[in-house]
Amino acid sequence: DATQTGILLGATIHDMAQVVGAGYSISEPV
């Protein structure tokens, strides 16, 4: 779900820029 996806992206992607890019490319909650 959105929360689990956000945790996955925020906890595994190395740099902040790509975390932002990946997360907000899905949805704002993610």
Full PDB file with SEQRES, HELIX, SHEET, SSBOND, CRYST1, ORIGX, SCALE, CONECT and MASTER records, all heavy atoms in Angstrom:
SEQRES   1 A   30  ASP ALA THR GLN THR GLY ILE LEU LEU GLY ALA THR ILE          
SEQRES   2 A   30  HIS ASP MET ALA GLN VAL VAL GLY ALA GLY TYR SER ILE          
SEQRES   3 A   30  SER GLU PRO VAL                                              
HELIX    1 AA1 ALA A    2  THR A   12  1                                  11    
HELIX    2 AA2 MET A   16  ILE A   26  1                                  11    
CRYST1    1.000    1.000    1.000  90.00  90.00  90.00 P 1           1          
ORIGX1      1.000000  0.000000  0.000000        0.00000                         
ORIGX2      0.000000  1.000000  0.000000        0.00000                         
ORIGX3      0.000000  0.000000  1.000000        0.00000                         
SCALE1      1.000000  0.000000  0.000000        0.00000                         
SCALE2      0.000000  1.000000  0.000000        0.00000                         
SCALE3      0.000000  0.000000  1.000000        0.00000                         
ATOM      1  N   ASP A   1       0.845  -1.191   0.000  1.00  0.00           N  
ATOM      2  CA  ASP A   1       0.000   0.000   0.000  1.00  0.00           C  
ATOM      3  C   ASP A   1       0.884   1.246   0.000  1.00  0.00           C  
ATOM      4  O   ASP A   1       2.117   1.154  -0.071  1.00  0.00           O  
ATOM      5  CB  ASP A   1      -0.954  -0.014   1.196  1.00  0.00           C  
ATOM      6  CG  ASP A   1      -0.238  -0.052   2.544  1.00  0.00           C  
ATOM      7  OD1 ASP A   1       0.950   0.360   2.614  1.00  0.00           O  
ATOM      8  OD2 ASP A   1      -0.847  -0.473   3.543  1.00  0.00           O  
ATOM      9  N   ALA A   2       0.255   2.436   0.105  1.00  0.00           N  
ATOM     10  CA  ALA A   2       1.008   3.682  -0.003  1.00  0.00           C  
ATOM     11  C   ALA A   2       2.046   3.818   1.107  1.00  0.00           C  
ATOM     12  O   ALA A   2       3.190   4.225   0.857  1.00  0.00           O  
ATOM     13  CB  ALA A   2       0.049   4.879   0.029  1.00  0.00           C  
ATOM     14  N   THR A   3       1.675   3.460   2.328  1.00  0.00           N  
ATOM     15  CA  THR A   3       2.617   3.580   3.445  1.00  0.00           C  
ATOM     16  C   THR A   3       3.778   2.619   3.281  1.00  0.00           C  
ATOM     17  O   THR A   3       4.950   2.993   3.451  1.00  0.00           O  
ATOM     18  CB  THR A   3       1.904   3.315   4.780  1.00  0.00           C  
ATOM     19  OG1 THR A   3       0.858   4.280   4.961  1.00  0.00           O  
ATOM     20  CG2 THR A   3       2.883   3.409   5.942  1.00  0.00           C  
ATOM     21  N   GLN A   4       3.485   1.370   2.959  1.00  0.00           N  
ATOM     22  CA  GLN A   4       4.554   0.382   2.772  1.00  0.00           C  
ATOM     23  C   GLN A   4       5.475   0.775   1.616  1.00  0.00           C  
ATOM     24  O   GLN A   4       6.700   0.628   1.712  1.00  0.00           O  
ATOM     25  CB  GLN A   4       3.942  -0.993   2.501  1.00  0.00           C  
ATOM     26  CG  GLN A   4       3.245  -1.615   3.693  1.00  0.00           C  
ATOM     27  CD  GLN A   4       2.509  -2.887   3.313  1.00  0.00           C  
ATOM     28  OE1 GLN A   4       1.793  -2.938   2.313  1.00  0.00           O  
ATOM     29  NE2 GLN A   4       2.693  -3.933   4.107  1.00  0.00           N  
ATOM     30  N   THR A   5       4.906   1.282   0.539  1.00  0.00           N  
ATOM     31  CA  THR A   5       5.711   1.696  -0.607  1.00  0.00           C  
ATOM     32  C   THR A   5       6.618   2.862  -0.232  1.00  0.00           C  
ATOM     33  O   THR A   5       7.800   2.892  -0.592  1.00  0.00           O  
ATOM     34  CB  THR A   5       4.819   2.102  -1.785  1.00  0.00           C  
ATOM     35  OG1 THR A   5       4.002   0.987  -2.158  1.00  0.00           O  
ATOM     36  CG2 THR A   5       5.644   2.543  -2.980  1.00  0.00           C  
ATOM     37  N   GLY A   6       6.075   3.821   0.509  1.00  0.00           N  
ATOM     38  CA  GLY A   6       6.885   4.951   0.949  1.00  0.00           C  
ATOM     39  C   GLY A   6       8.033   4.516   1.843  1.00  0.00           C  
ATOM     40  O   GLY A   6       9.164   5.018   1.726  1.00  0.00           O  
ATOM     41  N   ILE A   7       7.764   3.578   2.745  1.00  0.00           N  
ATOM     42  CA  ILE A   7       8.824   3.058   3.623  1.00  0.00           C  
ATOM     43  C   ILE A   7       9.891   2.350   2.796  1.00  0.00           C  
ATOM     44  O   ILE A   7      11.097   2.544   3.008  1.00  0.00           O  
ATOM     45  CB  ILE A   7       8.234   2.101   4.672  1.00  0.00           C  
ATOM     46  CG1 ILE A   7       7.328   2.861   5.636  1.00  0.00           C  
ATOM     47  CG2 ILE A   7       9.345   1.395   5.451  1.00  0.00           C  
ATOM     48  CD1 ILE A   7       6.535   1.974   6.573  1.00  0.00           C  
ATOM     49  N   LEU A   8       9.453   1.526   1.850  1.00  0.00           N  
ATOM     50  CA  LEU A   8      10.405   0.807   0.998  1.00  0.00           C  
ATOM     51  C   LEU A   8      11.323   1.778   0.263  1.00  0.00           C  
ATOM     52  O   LEU A   8      12.551   1.619   0.276  1.00  0.00           O  
ATOM     53  CB  LEU A   8       9.645  -0.054  -0.009  1.00  0.00           C  
ATOM     54  CG  LEU A   8      10.518  -0.775  -1.049  1.00  0.00           C  
ATOM     55  CD1 LEU A   8      11.305  -1.906  -0.403  1.00  0.00           C  
ATOM     56  CD2 LEU A   8       9.669  -1.320  -2.197  1.00  0.00           C  
ATOM     57  N   LEU A   9      10.746   2.800  -0.358  1.00  0.00           N  
ATOM     58  CA  LEU A   9      11.538   3.750  -1.133  1.00  0.00           C  
ATOM     59  C   LEU A   9      12.433   4.589  -0.233  1.00  0.00           C  
ATOM     60  O   LEU A   9      13.620   4.788  -0.517  1.00  0.00           O  
ATOM     61  CB  LEU A   9      10.615   4.655  -1.951  1.00  0.00           C  
ATOM     62  CG  LEU A   9       9.691   3.965  -2.956  1.00  0.00           C  
ATOM     63  CD1 LEU A   9       8.815   4.987  -3.663  1.00  0.00           C  
ATOM     64  CD2 LEU A   9      10.495   3.164  -3.973  1.00  0.00           C  
ATOM     65  N   GLY A  10      11.880   5.077   0.871  1.00  0.00           N  
ATOM     66  CA  GLY A  10      12.652   5.934   1.765  1.00  0.00           C  
ATOM     67  C   GLY A  10      13.757   5.205   2.497  1.00  0.00           C  
ATOM     68  O   GLY A  10      14.774   5.802   2.857  1.00  0.00           O  
ATOM     69  N   ALA A  11      13.589   3.900   2.705  1.00  0.00           N  
ATOM     70  CA  ALA A  11      14.564   3.131   3.470  1.00  0.00           C  
ATOM     71  C   ALA A  11      15.615   2.446   2.616  1.00  0.00           C  
ATOM     72  O   ALA A  11      16.608   1.940   3.141  1.00  0.00           O  
ATOM     73  CB  ALA A  11      13.840   2.071   4.316  1.00  0.00           C  
ATOM     74  N   THR A  12      15.435   2.407   1.295  1.00  0.00           N  
ATOM     75  CA  THR A  12      16.356   1.628   0.450  1.00  0.00           C  
ATOM     76  C   THR A  12      17.089   2.434  -0.609  1.00  0.00           C  
ATOM     77  O   THR A  12      18.169   2.040  -1.042  1.00  0.00           O  
ATOM     78  CB  THR A  12      15.592   0.496  -0.275  1.00  0.00           C  
ATOM     79  OG1 THR A  12      14.543   1.070  -1.070  1.00  0.00           O  
ATOM     80  CG2 THR A  12      14.992  -0.486   0.722  1.00  0.00           C  
ATOM     81  N   ILE A  13      16.530   3.545  -1.059  1.00  0.00           N  
ATOM     82  CA  ILE A  13      17.189   4.329  -2.111  1.00  0.00           C  
ATOM     83  C   ILE A  13      18.277   5.190  -1.487  1.00  0.00           C  
ATOM     84  O   ILE A  13      18.073   5.793  -0.439  1.00  0.00           O  
ATOM     85  CB  ILE A  13      16.168   5.187  -2.881  1.00  0.00           C  
ATOM     86  CG1 ILE A  13      15.130   4.277  -3.563  1.00  0.00           C  
ATOM     87  CG2 ILE A  13      16.857   6.051  -3.924  1.00  0.00           C  
ATOM     88  CD1 ILE A  13      14.051   5.016  -4.319  1.00  0.00           C  
ATOM     89  N   HIS A  14      19.423   5.268  -2.142  1.00  0.00           N  
ATOM     90  CA  HIS A  14      20.615   5.863  -1.550  1.00  0.00           C  
ATOM     91  C   HIS A  14      20.516   7.372  -1.340  1.00  0.00           C  
ATOM     92  O   HIS A  14      20.719   7.862  -0.225  1.00  0.00           O  
ATOM     93  CB  HIS A  14      21.842   5.565  -2.417  1.00  0.00           C  
ATOM     94  CG  HIS A  14      21.965   4.122  -2.799  1.00  0.00           C  
ATOM     95  ND1 HIS A  14      21.080   3.505  -3.645  1.00  0.00           N  
ATOM     96  CD2 HIS A  14      22.882   3.182  -2.462  1.00  0.00           C  
ATOM     97  CE1 HIS A  14      21.427   2.234  -3.802  1.00  0.00           C  
ATOM     98  NE2 HIS A  14      22.517   2.020  -3.097  1.00  0.00           N  
ATOM     99  N   ASP A  15      20.259   8.136  -2.400  1.00  0.00           N  
ATOM    100  CA  ASP A  15      20.293   9.593  -2.326  1.00  0.00           C  
ATOM    101  C   ASP A  15      18.899  10.190  -2.186  1.00  0.00           C  
ATOM    102  O   ASP A  15      17.913   9.651  -2.705  1.00  0.00           O  
ATOM    103  CB  ASP A  15      20.952  10.178  -3.579  1.00  0.00           C  
ATOM    104  CG  ASP A  15      22.468  10.022  -3.559  1.00  0.00           C  
ATOM    105  OD1 ASP A  15      23.046  10.096  -2.466  1.00  0.00           O  
ATOM    106  OD2 ASP A  15      23.054   9.825  -4.636  1.00  0.00           O  
ATOM    107  N   MET A  16      18.828  11.345  -1.513  1.00  0.00           N  
ATOM    108  CA  MET A  16      17.549  11.999  -1.275  1.00  0.00           C  
ATOM    109  C   MET A  16      16.841  12.387  -2.571  1.00  0.00           C  
ATOM    110  O   MET A  16      15.618  12.279  -2.674  1.00  0.00           O  
ATOM    111  CB  MET A  16      17.774  13.249  -0.405  1.00  0.00           C  
ATOM    112  CG  MET A  16      16.518  14.046  -0.136  1.00  0.00           C  
ATOM    113  SD  MET A  16      15.281  13.122   0.818  1.00  0.00           S  
ATOM    114  CE  MET A  16      15.877  13.414   2.495  1.00  0.00           C  
ATOM    115  N   ALA A  17      17.602  12.833  -3.559  1.00  0.00           N  
ATOM    116  CA  ALA A  17      16.976  13.270  -4.807  1.00  0.00           C  
ATOM    117  C   ALA A  17      16.146  12.156  -5.431  1.00  0.00           C  
ATOM    118  O   ALA A  17      15.010  12.372  -5.872  1.00  0.00           O  
ATOM    119  CB  ALA A  17      18.050  13.733  -5.797  1.00  0.00           C  
ATOM    120  N   GLN A  18      16.709  10.955  -5.451  1.00  0.00           N  
ATOM    121  CA  GLN A  18      16.001   9.844  -6.072  1.00  0.00           C  
ATOM    122  C   GLN A  18      14.859   9.335  -5.202  1.00  0.00           C  
ATOM    123  O   GLN A  18      13.871   8.800  -5.709  1.00  0.00           O  
ATOM    124  CB  GLN A  18      16.978   8.714  -6.404  1.00  0.00           C  
ATOM    125  CG  GLN A  18      17.896   9.036  -7.564  1.00  0.00           C  
ATOM    126  CD  GLN A  18      19.153   9.752  -7.123  1.00  0.00           C  
ATOM    127  OE1 GLN A  18      19.220  10.310  -6.029  1.00  0.00           O  
ATOM    128  NE2 GLN A  18      20.177   9.748  -7.964  1.00  0.00           N  
ATOM    129  N   VAL A  19      14.991   9.471  -3.878  1.00  0.00           N  
ATOM    130  CA  VAL A  19      13.874   9.129  -2.996  1.00  0.00           C  
ATOM    131  C   VAL A  19      12.679  10.019  -3.319  1.00  0.00           C  
ATOM    132  O   VAL A  19      11.543   9.553  -3.455  1.00  0.00           O  
ATOM    133  CB  VAL A  19      14.280   9.287  -1.512  1.00  0.00           C  
ATOM    134  CG1 VAL A  19      13.041   9.191  -0.609  1.00  0.00           C  
ATOM    135  CG2 VAL A  19      15.292   8.229  -1.115  1.00  0.00           C  
ATOM    136  N   VAL A  20      12.946  11.307  -3.449  1.00  0.00           N  
ATOM    137  CA  VAL A  20      11.893  12.265  -3.783  1.00  0.00           C  
ATOM    138  C   VAL A  20      11.299  11.936  -5.150  1.00  0.00           C  
ATOM    139  O   VAL A  20      10.082  11.903  -5.330  1.00  0.00           O  
ATOM    140  CB  VAL A  20      12.454  13.701  -3.760  1.00  0.00           C  
ATOM    141  CG1 VAL A  20      11.439  14.682  -4.334  1.00  0.00           C  
ATOM    142  CG2 VAL A  20      12.833  14.097  -2.339  1.00  0.00           C  
ATOM    143  N   GLY A  21      12.175  11.696  -6.133  1.00  0.00           N  
ATOM    144  CA  GLY A  21      11.706  11.403  -7.477  1.00  0.00           C  
ATOM    145  C   GLY A  21      10.851  10.158  -7.530  1.00  0.00           C  
ATOM    146  O   GLY A  21       9.792  10.146  -8.177  1.00  0.00           O  
ATOM    147  N   ALA A  22      11.287   9.099  -6.854  1.00  0.00           N  
ATOM    148  CA  ALA A  22      10.534   7.847  -6.876  1.00  0.00           C  
ATOM    149  C   ALA A  22       9.221   7.969  -6.116  1.00  0.00           C  
ATOM    150  O   ALA A  22       8.170   7.518  -6.583  1.00  0.00           O  
ATOM    151  CB  ALA A  22      11.386   6.722  -6.279  1.00  0.00           C  
ATOM    152  N   GLY A  23       9.270   8.588  -4.933  1.00  0.00           N  
ATOM    153  CA  GLY A  23       8.078   8.672  -4.107  1.00  0.00           C  
ATOM    154  C   GLY A  23       6.971   9.500  -4.719  1.00  0.00           C  
ATOM    155  O   GLY A  23       5.832   9.039  -4.858  1.00  0.00           O  
ATOM    156  N   TYR A  24       7.304  10.722  -5.121  1.00  0.00           N  
ATOM    157  CA  TYR A  24       6.277  11.618  -5.651  1.00  0.00           C  
ATOM    158  C   TYR A  24       5.879  11.277  -7.080  1.00  0.00           C  
ATOM    159  O   TYR A  24       4.884  11.804  -7.586  1.00  0.00           O  
ATOM    160  CB  TYR A  24       6.727  13.069  -5.540  1.00  0.00           C  
ATOM    161  CG  TYR A  24       6.702  13.565  -4.107  1.00  0.00           C  
ATOM    162  CD1 TYR A  24       7.870  13.700  -3.375  1.00  0.00           C  
ATOM    163  CD2 TYR A  24       5.498  13.849  -3.480  1.00  0.00           C  
ATOM    164  CE1 TYR A  24       7.857  14.114  -2.063  1.00  0.00           C  
ATOM    165  CE2 TYR A  24       5.462  14.270  -2.160  1.00  0.00           C  
ATOM    166  CZ  TYR A  24       6.651  14.398  -1.449  1.00  0.00           C  
ATOM    167  OH  TYR A  24       6.619  14.802  -0.148  1.00  0.00           O  
ATOM    168  N   SER A  25       6.653  10.404  -7.738  1.00  0.00           N  
ATOM    169  CA  SER A  25       6.218   9.939  -9.053  1.00  0.00           C  
ATOM    170  C   SER A  25       5.026   8.992  -8.936  1.00  0.00           C  
ATOM    171  O   SER A  25       4.303   8.779  -9.907  1.00  0.00           O  
ATOM    172  CB  SER A  25       7.369   9.227  -9.777  1.00  0.00           C  
ATOM    173  OG  SER A  25       7.660   7.969  -9.176  1.00  0.00           O  
ATOM    174  N   ILE A  26       4.831   8.418  -7.732  1.00  0.00           N  
ATOM    175  CA  ILE A  26       3.696   7.527  -7.497  1.00  0.00           C  
ATOM    176  C   ILE A  26       2.500   8.321  -6.977  1.00  0.00           C  
ATOM    177  O   ILE A  26       1.420   8.310  -7.563  1.00  0.00           O  
ATOM    178  CB  ILE A  26       4.073   6.409  -6.501  1.00  0.00           C  
ATOM    179  CG1 ILE A  26       5.234   5.574  -7.051  1.00  0.00           C  
ATOM    180  CG2 ILE A  26       2.870   5.515  -6.200  1.00  0.00           C  
ATOM    181  CD1 ILE A  26       5.754   4.539  -6.082  1.00  0.00           C  
ATOM    182  N   SER A  27       2.701   9.005  -5.848  1.00  0.00           N  
ATOM    183  CA  SER A  27       1.643   9.824  -5.277  1.00  0.00           C  
ATOM    184  C   SER A  27       2.232  10.681  -4.172  1.00  0.00           C  
ATOM    185  O   SER A  27       3.336  10.426  -3.685  1.00  0.00           O  
ATOM    186  CB  SER A  27       0.509   8.951  -4.703  1.00  0.00           C  
ATOM    187  OG  SER A  27       0.958   8.250  -3.557  1.00  0.00           O  
ATOM    188  N   GLU A  28       1.475  11.680  -3.755  1.00  0.00           N  
ATOM    189  CA  GLU A  28       1.957  12.545  -2.676  1.00  0.00           C  
ATOM    190  C   GLU A  28       2.059  11.809  -1.348  1.00  0.00           C  
ATOM    191  O   GLU A  28       3.051  11.971  -0.630  1.00  0.00           O  
ATOM    192  CB  GLU A  28       1.050  13.770  -2.534  1.00  0.00           C  
ATOM    193  CG  GLU A  28       1.553  14.762  -1.502  1.00  0.00           C  
ATOM    194  CD  GLU A  28       0.829  16.092  -1.564  1.00  0.00           C  
ATOM    195  OE1 GLU A  28       0.509  16.554  -2.674  1.00  0.00           O  
ATOM    196  OE2 GLU A  28       0.593  16.669  -0.486  1.00  0.00           O  
ATOM    197  N   PRO A  29       1.079  10.961  -0.960  1.00  0.00           N  
ATOM    198  CA  PRO A  29       1.234  10.212   0.292  1.00  0.00           C  
ATOM    199  C   PRO A  29       2.475   9.319   0.303  1.00  0.00           C  
ATOM    200  O   PRO A  29       3.170   9.227   1.312  1.00  0.00           O  
ATOM    201  CB  PRO A  29      -0.058   9.381   0.366  1.00  0.00           C  
ATOM    202  CG  PRO A  29      -1.048  10.151  -0.430  1.00  0.00           C  
ATOM    203  CD  PRO A  29      -0.264  10.760  -1.557  1.00  0.00           C  
ATOM    204  N   VAL A  30       2.753   8.655  -0.816  1.00  0.00           N  
ATOM    205  CA  VAL A  30       3.949   7.812  -0.900  1.00  0.00           C  
ATOM    206  C   VAL A  30       5.195   8.676  -0.763  1.00  0.00           C  
ATOM    207  O   VAL A  30       6.133   8.340  -0.020  1.00  0.00           O  
ATOM    208  CB  VAL A  30       3.984   7.035  -2.232  1.00  0.00           C  
ATOM    209  CG1 VAL A  30       5.339   6.339  -2.403  1.00  0.00           C  
ATOM    210  CG2 VAL A  30       2.874   6.001  -2.272  1.00  0.00           C  
TER     211      VAL A  30                                                      
MASTER        0    0    0    2    0    0    0    6  210    1    0    3          
END                                                                             
